PDB file of N, CA and C in Angstrom:
ATOM      1  N   MET A   1     -19.781 -59.946 -14.879  1.00  0.00           N
ATOM      2  CA  MET A   1     -19.478 -59.090 -14.454  1.00  0.00           C
ATOM      3  C   MET A   1     -19.175 -58.398 -14.168  1.00  0.00           C
ATOM      4  N   CYS A   2     -18.981 -58.154 -15.967  1.00  0.00           N
ATOM      5  CA  CYS A   2     -18.892 -56.611 -17.010  1.00  0.00           C
ATOM      6  C   CYS A   2     -20.380 -56.061 -16.200  1.00  0.00           C
ATOM      7  N   CYS A   3     -21.504 -56.524 -16.335  1.00  0.00           N
ATOM      8  CA  CYS A   3     -22.957 -55.941 -16.291  1.00  0.00           C
ATOM      9  C   CYS A   3     -23.228 -55.341 -14.980  1.00  0.00           C
ATOM     10  N   CYS A   4     -21.848 -56.218 -14.498  1.00  0.00           N
ATOM     11  CA  CYS A   4     -22.804 -55.515 -12.751  1.00  0.00           C
ATOM     12  C   CYS A   4     -21.620 -54.457 -12.526  1.00  0.00           C
ATOM     13  N   PHE A   5     -20.960 -54.346 -12.528  1.00  0.00           N
ATOM     14  CA  PHE A   5     -19.936 -53.343 -12.153  1.00  0.00           C
ATOM     15  C   PHE A   5     -20.776 -51.593 -12.846  1.00  0.00           C
ATOM     16  N   LEU A   6     -21.024 -52.172 -14.230  1.00  0.00           N
ATOM     17  CA  LEU A   6     -21.462 -51.317 -14.597  1.00  0.00           C
ATOM     18  C   LEU A   6     -22.797 -50.568 -13.963  1.00  0.00           C
ATOM     19  N   MET A   7     -23.340 -51.822 -13.780  1.00  0.00           N
ATOM     20  CA  MET A   7     -24.691 -51.174 -12.698  1.00  0.00           C
ATOM     21  C   MET A   7     -24.364 -50.357 -11.295  1.00  0.00           C
ATOM     22  N   VAL A   8     -22.706 -50.930 -11.280  1.00  0.00           N
ATOM     23  CA  VAL A   8     -22.931 -50.455  -9.630  1.00  0.00           C
ATOM     24  C   VAL A   8     -21.874 -48.795  -9.942  1.00  0.00           C
ATOM     25  N   ILE A   9     -21.611 -48.728 -11.338  1.00  0.00           N
ATOM     26  CA  ILE A   9     -21.645 -47.427 -11.611  1.00  0.00           C
ATOM     27  C   ILE A   9     -22.368 -46.082 -11.877  1.00  0.00           C
ATOM     28  N   VAL A  10     -23.251 -46.786 -13.017  1.00  0.00           N
ATOM     29  CA  VAL A  10     -24.664 -46.264 -13.018  1.00  0.00           C
ATOM     30  C   VAL A  10     -26.022 -45.833 -11.730  1.00  0.00           C
ATOM     31  N   SER A  11     -25.234 -46.285 -10.871  1.00  0.00           N
ATOM     32  CA  SER A  11     -26.016 -46.422  -9.727  1.00  0.00           C
ATOM     33  C   SER A  11     -25.844 -45.546  -8.981  1.00  0.00           C
ATOM     34  N   TYR A  12     -24.573 -45.548  -8.598  1.00  0.00           N
ATOM     35  CA  TYR A  12     -23.464 -44.774  -7.351  1.00  0.00           C
ATOM     36  C   TYR A  12     -23.762 -43.157  -7.773  1.00  0.00           C
ATOM     37  N   ASN A  13     -23.333 -42.836  -9.500  1.00  0.00           N
ATOM     38  CA  ASN A  13     -23.272 -41.574 -10.220  1.00  0.00           C
ATOM     39  C   ASN A  13     -25.166 -40.824  -9.444  1.00  0.00           C
ATOM     40  N   ALA A  14     -25.629 -41.922  -9.796  1.00  0.00           N
ATOM     41  CA  ALA A  14     -27.061 -41.853  -9.893  1.00  0.00           C
ATOM     42  C   ALA A  14     -27.411 -41.307  -8.695  1.00  0.00           C
ATOM     43  N   ILE A  15     -26.999 -42.034  -7.462  1.00  0.00           N
ATOM     44  CA  ILE A  15     -27.453 -41.615  -5.674  1.00  0.00           C
ATOM     45  C   ILE A  15     -26.298 -40.008  -5.643  1.00  0.00           C
ATOM     46  N   TYR A  16     -25.720 -40.659  -6.194  1.00  0.00           N
ATOM     47  CA  TYR A  16     -24.326 -39.928  -6.020  1.00  0.00           C
ATOM     48  C   TYR A  16     -25.201 -38.309  -6.308  1.00  0.00           C
ATOM     49  N   ARG A  17     -25.502 -37.798  -6.934  1.00  0.00           N
ATOM     50  CA  ARG A  17     -25.940 -36.689  -8.206  1.00  0.00           C
ATOM     51  C   ARG A  17     -28.408 -36.188  -7.577  1.00  0.00           C
ATOM     52  N   ILE A  18     -27.984 -37.533  -7.771  1.00  0.00           N
ATOM     53  CA  ILE A  18     -29.752 -36.645  -6.012  1.00  0.00           C
ATOM     54  C   ILE A  18     -29.299 -36.567  -4.833  1.00  0.00           C
ATOM     55  N   GLN A  19     -27.924 -37.007  -4.302  1.00  0.00           N
ATOM     56  CA  GLN A  19     -27.528 -36.252  -2.384  1.00  0.00           C
ATOM     57  C   GLN A  19     -27.176 -34.632  -3.297  1.00  0.00           C
ATOM     58  N   GLU A  20     -26.368 -34.561  -4.861  1.00  0.00           N
ATOM     59  CA  GLU A  20     -26.037 -33.854  -4.876  1.00  0.00           C
ATOM     60  C   GLU A  20     -27.273 -32.270  -4.808  1.00  0.00           C
ATOM     61  N   ASP A  21     -27.935 -32.935  -5.309  1.00  0.00           N
ATOM     62  CA  ASP A  21     -29.031 -31.792  -5.642  1.00  0.00           C
ATOM     63  C   ASP A  21     -30.344 -31.142  -4.267  1.00  0.00           C
ATOM     64  N   LYS A  22     -29.923 -33.134  -3.925  1.00  0.00           N
ATOM     65  CA  LYS A  22     -30.670 -32.216  -2.319  1.00  0.00           C
ATOM     66  C   LYS A  22     -29.964 -31.459  -1.314  1.00  0.00           C
ATOM     67  N   ILE A  23     -28.709 -31.021  -1.240  1.00  0.00           N
ATOM     68  CA  ILE A  23     -27.620 -31.015  -0.531  1.00  0.00           C
ATOM     69  C   ILE A  23     -27.817 -29.311  -0.681  1.00  0.00           C
ATOM     70  N   LYS A  24     -28.117 -28.906  -2.492  1.00  0.00           N
ATOM     71  CA  LYS A  24     -28.499 -28.253  -2.945  1.00  0.00           C
ATOM     72  C   LYS A  24     -29.029 -27.355  -2.766  1.00  0.00           C
ATOM     73  N   THR A  25     -30.952 -27.950  -2.334  1.00  0.00           N
ATOM     74  CA  THR A  25     -31.930 -27.515  -2.968  1.00  0.00           C
ATOM     75  C   THR A  25     -31.497 -27.356  -0.844  1.00  0.00           C
ATOM     76  N   VAL A  26     -31.249 -28.202   0.000  1.00  0.00           N
ATOM     77  CA  VAL A  26     -31.898 -27.725   1.552  1.00  0.00           C
ATOM     78  C   VAL A  26     -31.026 -26.809   1.844  1.00  0.00           C
ATOM     79  N   MET A  27     -29.323 -26.281   1.223  1.00  0.00           N
ATOM     80  CA  MET A  27     -28.525 -24.963   1.408  1.00  0.00           C
ATOM     81  C   MET A  27     -29.796 -23.668   0.876  1.00  0.00           C
ATOM     82  N   SER A  28     -29.994 -23.720   0.025  1.00  0.00           N
ATOM     83  CA  SER A  28     -30.570 -22.771  -0.573  1.00  0.00           C
ATOM     84  C   SER A  28     -31.749 -22.326  -0.042  1.00  0.00           C
ATOM     85  N   PHE A  29     -32.473 -23.519   0.405  1.00  0.00           N
ATOM     86  CA  PHE A  29     -33.623 -23.103   1.486  1.00  0.00           C
ATOM     87  C   PHE A  29     -33.414 -22.934   3.307  1.00  0.00           C
ATOM     88  N   ASP A  30     -32.510 -23.476   3.526  1.00  0.00           N
ATOM     89  CA  ASP A  30     -31.977 -22.429   4.678  1.00  0.00           C
ATOM     90  C   ASP A  30     -31.406 -21.165   4.477  1.00  0.00           C
ATOM     91  N   LEU A  31     -30.803 -21.076   2.873  1.00  0.00           N
ATOM     92  CA  LEU A  31     -30.644 -19.401   3.291  1.00  0.00           C
ATOM     93  C   LEU A  31     -31.504 -18.088   3.418  1.00  0.00           C
ATOM     94  N   GLN A  32     -32.449 -18.899   2.320  1.00  0.00           N
ATOM     95  CA  GLN A  32     -33.956 -18.159   1.299  1.00  0.00           C
ATOM     96  C   GLN A  32     -34.425 -18.171   3.374  1.00  0.00           C
ATOM     97  N   GLN A  33     -34.024 -19.109   4.501  1.00  0.00           N
ATOM     98  CA  GLN A  33     -34.959 -18.683   5.429  1.00  0.00           C
ATOM     99  C   GLN A  33     -34.073 -17.603   6.350  1.00  0.00           C
ATOM    100  N   GLN A  34     -32.849 -17.470   6.436  1.00  0.00           N
ATOM    101  CA  GLN A  34     -32.032 -17.126   7.194  1.00  0.00           C
ATOM    102  C   GLN A  34     -32.327 -15.199   6.329  1.00  0.00           C
ATOM    103  N   SER A  35     -32.169 -15.716   5.404  1.00  0.00           N
ATOM    104  CA  SER A  35     -32.213 -14.199   4.781  1.00  0.00           C
ATOM    105  C   SER A  35     -33.923 -13.193   5.048  1.00  0.00           C
ATOM    106  N   ALA A  36     -34.878 -14.652   4.887  1.00  0.00           N
ATOM    107  CA  ALA A  36     -36.743 -14.240   5.537  1.00  0.00           C
ATOM    108  C   ALA A  36     -36.080 -13.226   7.240  1.00  0.00           C
ATOM    109  N   LYS A  37     -35.389 -14.009   8.051  1.00  0.00           N
ATOM    110  CA  LYS A  37     -35.063 -13.647   9.773  1.00  0.00           C
ATOM    111  C   LYS A  37     -34.413 -12.114   8.952  1.00  0.00           C
ATOM    112  N   LEU A  38     -33.185 -12.435   8.845  1.00  0.00           N
ATOM    113  CA  LEU A  38     -31.992 -10.640   8.995  1.00  0.00           C
ATOM    114  C   LEU A  38     -33.417 -10.160   8.463  1.00  0.00           C
ATOM    115  N   ALA A  39     -33.813 -10.028   7.393  1.00  0.00           N
ATOM    116  CA  ALA A  39     -34.807  -8.752   7.027  1.00  0.00           C
ATOM    117  C   ALA A  39     -35.947  -8.742   7.795  1.00  0.00           C
ATOM    118  N   GLN A  40     -36.177  -9.276   8.643  1.00  0.00           N
ATOM    119  CA  GLN A  40     -37.241  -9.026   9.423  1.00  0.00           C
ATOM    120  C   GLN A  40     -36.901  -9.005  10.711  1.00  0.00           C
ATOM    121  N   LYS A  41     -35.481  -8.855  11.314  1.00  0.00           N
ATOM    122  CA  LYS A  41     -34.555  -7.929  12.797  1.00  0.00           C
ATOM    123  C   LYS A  41     -34.595  -7.156  11.665  1.00  0.00           C
ATOM    124  N   TYR A  42     -33.547  -6.013  10.992  1.00  0.00           N
ATOM    125  CA  TYR A  42     -33.983  -5.525  10.036  1.00  0.00           C
ATOM    126  C   TYR A  42     -34.956  -4.508  10.630  1.00  0.00           C
ATOM    127  N   ALA A  43     -36.373  -5.029   9.531  1.00  0.00           N
ATOM    128  CA  ALA A  43     -37.071  -3.851  10.375  1.00  0.00           C
ATOM    129  C   ALA A  43     -37.358  -4.158  11.323  1.00  0.00           C
ATOM    130  N   ASN A  44     -37.739  -4.775  12.373  1.00  0.00           N
ATOM    131  CA  ASN A  44     -37.202  -4.301  13.970  1.00  0.00           C
ATOM    132  C   ASN A  44     -36.669  -3.119  13.902  1.00  0.00           C
ATOM    133  N   LEU A  45     -35.029  -3.842  13.828  1.00  0.00           N
ATOM    134  CA  LEU A  45     -34.696  -2.423  14.726  1.00  0.00           C
ATOM    135  C   LEU A  45     -34.930  -1.404  14.357  1.00  0.00           C
ATOM    136  N   LEU A  46     -35.530  -1.328  12.584  1.00  0.00           N
ATOM    137  CA  LEU A  46     -35.534   0.335  12.216  1.00  0.00           C
ATOM    138  C   LEU A  46     -36.825   0.806  12.683  1.00  0.00           C
ATOM    139  N   GLN A  47     -37.564  -0.044  13.015  1.00  0.00           N
ATOM    140  CA  GLN A  47     -39.139   0.895  13.280  1.00  0.00           C
ATOM    141  C   GLN A  47     -38.486   1.524  15.213  1.00  0.00           C
ATOM    142  N   ILE A  48     -38.026  -0.024  15.931  1.00  0.00           N
ATOM    143  CA  ILE A  48     -37.730   1.223  17.429  1.00  0.00           C
ATOM    144  C   ILE A  48     -36.584   2.410  17.165  1.00  0.00           C
ATOM    145  N   THR A  49     -35.498   1.999  15.940  1.00  0.00           N
ATOM    146  CA  THR A  49     -34.990   3.207  15.567  1.00  0.00           C
ATOM    147  C   THR A  49     -35.652   4.294  15.595  1.00  0.00           C
ATOM    148  N   GLN A  50     -36.717   4.895  14.630  1.00  0.00           N
ATOM    149  CA  GLN A  50     -38.053   5.252  14.659  1.00  0.00           C
ATOM    150  C   GLN A  50     -38.608   6.027  15.740  1.00  0.00           C
ATOM    151  N   GLN A  51     -38.887   5.148  16.638  1.00  0.00           N
ATOM    152  CA  GLN A  51     -39.346   5.430  17.826  1.00  0.00           C
ATOM    153  C   GLN A  51     -38.639   6.014  18.051  1.00  0.00           C
ATOM    154  N   MET A  52     -37.325   5.658  18.829  1.00  0.00           N
ATOM    155  CA  MET A  52     -36.927   6.683  19.678  1.00  0.00           C
ATOM    156  C   MET A  52     -35.608   8.036  19.102  1.00  0.00           C
ATOM    157  N   ALA A  53     -35.879   8.175  17.823  1.00  0.00           N
ATOM    158  CA  ALA A  53     -35.265   9.292  16.975  1.00  0.00           C
ATOM    159  C   ALA A  53     -35.622  10.098  17.852  1.00  0.00           C
ATOM    160  N   PRO A  54     -35.609  11.538  17.711  1.00  0.00           N
ATOM    161  CA  PRO A  54     -36.214  12.811  18.568  1.00  0.00           C
ATOM    162  C   PRO A  54     -37.927  13.023  17.487  1.00  0.00           C
ATOM    163  N   GLU A  55     -38.281  12.477  16.628  1.00  0.00           N
ATOM    164  CA  GLU A  55     -39.408  12.514  15.658  1.00  0.00           C
ATOM    165  C   GLU A  55     -40.604  11.471  16.412  1.00  0.00           C
ATOM    166  N   GLY A  56     -39.900  10.598  16.780  1.00  0.00           N
ATOM    167  CA  GLY A  56     -40.879   9.155  17.070  1.00  0.00           C
ATOM    168  C   GLY A  56     -41.516   9.536  18.463  1.00  0.00           C
ATOM    169  N   ASN A  57     -41.469   8.495  19.731  1.00  0.00           N
ATOM    170  CA  ASN A  57     -42.313   8.373  20.568  1.00  0.00           C
ATOM    171  C   ASN A  57     -41.842   9.333  21.703  1.00  0.00           C
ATOM    172  N   VAL A  58     -40.848   8.083  21.695  1.00  0.00           N
ATOM    173  CA  VAL A  58     -39.864   8.519  22.755  1.00  0.00           C
ATOM    174  C   VAL A  58     -39.242   8.809  22.958  1.00  0.00           C
ATOM    175  N   GLY A  59     -38.705   9.600  21.114  1.00  0.00           N
ATOM    176  CA  GLY A  59     -37.778  10.265  21.187  1.00  0.00           C
ATOM    177  C   GLY A  59     -38.562  11.927  22.204  1.00  0.00           C
ATOM    178  N   SER A  60     -39.150  12.395  21.704  1.00  0.00           N
ATOM    179  CA  SER A  60     -40.363  13.257  21.130  1.00  0.00           C
ATOM    180  C   SER A  60     -40.469  12.649  22.632  1.00  0.00           C
ATOM    181  N   LEU A  61     -40.382  12.570  24.148  1.00  0.00           N
ATOM    182  CA  LEU A  61     -40.449  12.225  25.554  1.00  0.00           C
ATOM    183  C   LEU A  61     -39.769  12.546  26.237  1.00  0.00           C
ATOM    184  N   VAL A  62     -38.328  11.953  25.335  1.00  0.00           N
ATOM    185  CA  VAL A  62     -37.026  12.564  25.591  1.00  0.00           C
ATOM    186  C   VAL A  62     -36.890  13.816  25.617  1.00  0.00           C
ATOM    187  N   GLU A  63     -37.034  14.999  24.479  1.00  0.00           N
ATOM    188  CA  GLU A  63     -36.860  16.088  24.684  1.00  0.00           C
ATOM    189  C   GLU A  63     -37.276  16.720  25.556  1.00  0.00           C
ATOM    190  N   GLU A  64     -38.838  16.437  25.611  1.00  0.00           N
ATOM    191  CA  GLU A  64     -40.358  17.187  26.168  1.00  0.00           C
ATOM    192  C   GLU A  64     -38.750  17.207  27.427  1.00  0.00           C
ATOM    193  N   TYR A  65     -38.615  15.645  27.952  1.00  0.00           N
ATOM    194  CA  TYR A  65     -37.805  15.361  29.557  1.00  0.00           C
ATOM    195  C   TYR A  65     -37.017  16.641  29.866  1.00  0.00           C
ATOM    196  N   PHE A  66     -35.961  17.042  28.678  1.00  0.00           N
ATOM    197  CA  PHE A  66     -34.574  17.574  28.852  1.00  0.00           C
ATOM    198  C   PHE A  66     -35.217  19.127  28.910  1.00  0.00           C
ATOM    199  N   ALA A  67     -36.037  19.317  28.719  1.00  0.00           N
ATOM    200  CA  ALA A  67     -36.597  20.493  28.421  1.00  0.00           C
ATOM    201  C   ALA A  67     -37.675  21.044  29.574  1.00  0.00           C
ATOM    202  N   ALA A  68     -38.396  20.788  29.921  1.00  0.00           N
ATOM    203  CA  ALA A  68     -39.360  20.591  31.384  1.00  0.00           C
ATOM    204  C   ALA A  68     -38.134  21.269  32.787  1.00  0.00           C
ATOM    205  N   LYS A  69     -38.961  21.980  33.463  1.00  0.00           N
ATOM    206  CA  LYS A  69     -38.360  22.746  34.151  1.00  0.00           C
ATOM    207  C   LYS A  69     -38.843  22.549  35.730  1.00  0.00           C
ATOM    208  N   GLU A  70     -40.069  21.924  35.771  1.00  0.00           N
ATOM    209  CA  GLU A  70     -40.488  21.390  36.972  1.00  0.00           C
ATOM    210  C   GLU A  70     -40.403  20.475  37.616  1.00  0.00           C
ATOM    211  N   SER A  71     -39.478  19.155  39.458  1.00  0.00           N
ATOM    212  CA  SER A  71     -39.379  18.174  38.470  1.00  0.00           C
ATOM    213  C   SER A  71     -41.185  16.941  38.335  1.00  0.00           C
ATOM    214  N   TYR A  72     -42.033  17.476  38.976  1.00  0.00           N
ATOM    215  CA  TYR A  72     -42.928  16.528  38.587  1.00  0.00           C
ATOM    216  C   TYR A  72     -43.445  16.094  37.214  1.00  0.00           C
ATOM    217  N   ASN A  73     -42.902  17.177  36.828  1.00  0.00           N
ATOM    218  CA  ASN A  73     -42.824  16.822  35.087  1.00  0.00           C
ATOM    219  C   ASN A  73     -41.811  16.651  34.750  1.00  0.00           C
ATOM    220  N   ARG A  74     -40.863  16.434  34.731  1.00  0.00           N
ATOM    221  CA  ARG A  74     -39.517  15.938  34.614  1.00  0.00           C
ATOM    222  C   ARG A  74     -40.545  13.495  35.207  1.00  0.00           C
ATOM    223  N   LEU A  75     -40.578  13.974  36.589  1.00  0.00           N
ATOM    224  CA  LEU A  75     -40.305  12.834  36.588  1.00  0.00           C
ATOM    225  C   LEU A  75     -41.800  12.089  36.522  1.00  0.00           C
ATOM    226  N   VAL A  76     -43.096  12.445  35.563  1.00  0.00           N
ATOM    227  CA  VAL A  76     -43.892  11.810  34.623  1.00  0.00           C
ATOM    228  C   VAL A  76     -43.644  11.901  33.354  1.00  0.00           C
ATOM    229  N   LEU A  77     -43.370  12.379  33.450  1.00  0.00           N
ATOM    230  CA  LEU A  77     -42.154  12.477  31.019  1.00  0.00           C
ATOM    231  C   LEU A  77     -40.966  10.880  32.083  1.00  0.00           C
ATOM    232  N   SER A  78     -40.506  11.025  32.307  1.00  0.00           N
ATOM    233  CA  SER A  78     -39.269   9.628  33.154  1.00  0.00           C
ATOM    234  C   SER A  78     -40.542   8.583  33.317  1.00  0.00           C
ATOM    235  N   ARG A  79     -41.808   8.346  33.648  1.00  0.00           N
ATOM    236  CA  ARG A  79     -42.068   7.151  33.842  1.00  0.00           C
ATOM    237  C   ARG A  79     -42.862   6.456  32.379  1.00  0.00           C
ATOM    238  N   SER A  80     -43.333   8.047  31.590  1.00  0.00           N
ATOM    239  CA  SER A  80     -43.280   7.644  30.109  1.00  0.00           C
ATOM    240  C   SER A  80     -42.842   7.069  29.397  1.00  0.00           C
ATOM    241  N   ILE A  81     -41.127   8.035  29.480  1.00  0.00           N
ATOM    242  CA  ILE A  81     -40.474   6.942  28.761  1.00  0.00           C
ATOM    243  C   ILE A  81     -39.678   5.782  28.926  1.00  0.00           C
ATOM    244  N   ALA A  82     -40.610   5.353  30.589  1.00  0.00           N
ATOM    245  CA  ALA A  82     -40.326   4.304  30.712  1.00  0.00           C
ATOM    246  C   ALA A  82     -40.999   3.145  30.436  1.00  0.00           C
ATOM    247  N   SER A  83     -42.414   3.577  30.777  1.00  0.00           N
ATOM    248  CA  SER A  83     -43.001   3.056  30.197  1.00  0.00           C
ATOM    249  C   SER A  83     -43.438   2.509  28.694  1.00  0.00           C
ATOM    250  N   SER A  84     -42.872   3.674  28.360  1.00  0.00           N
ATOM    251  CA  SER A  84     -42.718   3.790  26.077  1.00  0.00           C
ATOM    252  C   SER A  84     -41.887   2.387  25.530  1.00  0.00           C
ATOM    253  N   ILE A  85     -40.586   2.680  26.199  1.00  0.00           N
ATOM    254  CA  ILE A  85     -39.427   1.763  25.942  1.00  0.00           C
ATOM    255  C   ILE A  85     -40.086   0.189  26.386  1.00  0.00           C
ATOM    256  N   GLY A  86     -40.695  -0.195  27.988  1.00  0.00           N
ATOM    257  CA  GLY A  86     -41.087  -1.297  27.971  1.00  0.00           C
ATOM    258  C   GLY A  86     -42.045  -1.973  26.836  1.00  0.00           C
ATOM    259  N   LEU A  87     -43.295  -0.584  26.327  1.00  0.00           N
ATOM    260  CA  LEU A  87     -43.501  -1.665  25.058  1.00  0.00           C
ATOM    261  C   LEU A  87     -42.782  -1.534  24.132  1.00  0.00           C
ATOM    262  N   ILE A  88     -41.786  -0.842  23.856  1.00  0.00           N
ATOM    263  CA  ILE A  88     -40.983  -1.305  22.741  1.00  0.00           C
ATOM    264  C   ILE A  88     -40.257  -2.417  23.287  1.00  0.00           C
ATOM    265  N   THR A  89     -39.448  -3.047  23.585  1.00  0.00           N
ATOM    266  CA  THR A  89     -39.128  -4.135  23.845  1.00  0.00           C
ATOM    267  C   THR A  89     -39.871  -5.504  24.673  1.00  0.00           C
ATOM    268  N   PHE A  90     -41.179  -5.286  24.575  1.00  0.00           N
ATOM    269  CA  PHE A  90     -42.172  -5.853  24.857  1.00  0.00           C
ATOM    270  C   PHE A  90     -42.590  -6.850  23.304  1.00  0.00           C
ATOM    271  N   SER A  91     -43.005  -5.723  22.750  1.00  0.00           N
ATOM    272  CA  SER A  91     -43.451  -5.777  20.760  1.00  0.00           C
ATOM    273  C   SER A  91     -42.528  -6.451  20.371  1.00  0.00           C
ATOM    274  N   ASN A  92     -41.098  -6.218  21.182  1.00  0.00           N
ATOM    275  CA  ASN A  92     -39.678  -7.355  19.819  1.00  0.00           C
ATOM    276  C   ASN A  92     -38.680  -8.051  21.034  1.00  0.00           C
ATOM    277  N   SER A  93     -39.757  -8.929  20.940  1.00  0.00           N
ATOM    278  CA  SER A  93     -39.485  -9.652  21.830  1.00  0.00           C
ATOM    279  C   SER A  93     -37.384 -10.284  21.654  1.00  0.00           C
ATOM    280  N   ASP A  94     -37.230 -10.192  20.531  1.00  0.00           N
ATOM    281  CA  ASP A  94     -35.808 -10.832  19.815  1.00  0.00           C
ATOM    282  C   ASP A  94     -34.498  -8.819  20.585  1.00  0.00           C
ATOM    283  N   VAL A  95     -34.959  -7.902  21.284  1.00  0.00           N
ATOM    284  CA  VAL A  95     -34.417  -6.880  21.710  1.00  0.00           C
ATOM    285  C   VAL A  95     -34.187  -7.273  22.676  1.00  0.00           C
ATOM    286  N   GLU A  96     -32.985  -7.214  23.513  1.00  0.00           N
ATOM    287  CA  GLU A  96     -33.210  -7.248  24.764  1.00  0.00           C
ATOM    288  C   GLU A  96     -33.008  -5.893  26.090  1.00  0.00           C
ATOM    289  N   LEU A  97     -32.437  -4.889  24.767  1.00  0.00           N
ATOM    290  CA  LEU A  97     -31.524  -3.885  25.725  1.00  0.00           C
ATOM    291  C   LEU A  97     -32.447  -2.669  24.206  1.00  0.00           C
ATOM    292  N   VAL A  98     -32.569  -2.320  25.094  1.00  0.00           N
ATOM    293  CA  VAL A  98     -32.921  -0.284  24.330  1.00  0.00           C
ATOM    294  C   VAL A  98     -32.981   0.760  25.673  1.00  0.00           C
ATOM    295  N   THR A  99     -31.648   1.344  25.147  1.00  0.00           N
ATOM    296  CA  THR A  99     -31.245   2.619  25.937  1.00  0.00           C
ATOM    297  C   THR A  99     -30.619   3.733  24.991  1.00  0.00           C
ATOM    298  N   TYR A 100     -31.464   4.921  25.923  1.00  0.00           N
ATOM    299  CA  TYR A 100     -30.513   6.056  24.905  1.00  0.00           C
ATOM    300  C   TYR A 100     -28.841   6.278  25.969  1.00  0.00           C
ATOM    301  N   TYR A 101     -27.448   6.539  24.454  1.00  0.00           N
ATOM    302  CA  TYR A 101     -26.692   6.799  25.744  1.00  0.00           C
ATOM    303  C   TYR A 101     -26.394   8.203  25.578  1.00  0.00           C
ATOM    304  N   TYR A 102     -26.526   8.775  26.976  1.00  0.00           N
ATOM    305  CA  TYR A 102     -25.912   9.852  26.955  1.00  0.00           C
ATOM    306  C   TYR A 102     -24.155  10.369  26.906  1.00  0.00           C
ATOM    307  N   PRO A 103     -23.287  10.552  26.653  1.00  0.00           N
ATOM    308  CA  PRO A 103     -22.102  11.143  26.801  1.00  0.00           C
ATOM    309  C   PRO A 103     -21.696  11.690  27.581  1.00  0.00           C
TER     310      PRO A 103
END
């Protein structure tokens, strides 16, 4: 009887430790995956921000748009800006809205 009880306790402790280690491993792996996803999203947002900054592709087009005097040039630049923003949102499918806010 004592031997069976001892075997149950040892088995329970072994199973408990295995499950505990498994949970720690799974949690660590999930945390690494989430960290990698977050870093990738940050890199994507940084790239979008750089393109939309005044020194970037879209930013320079917006500055040209505001500096343009003729309406035809403004129309061409407006379409070019829309096309560039479309390319940004197409290449970054996680991003749902890309816009400039002018209060």
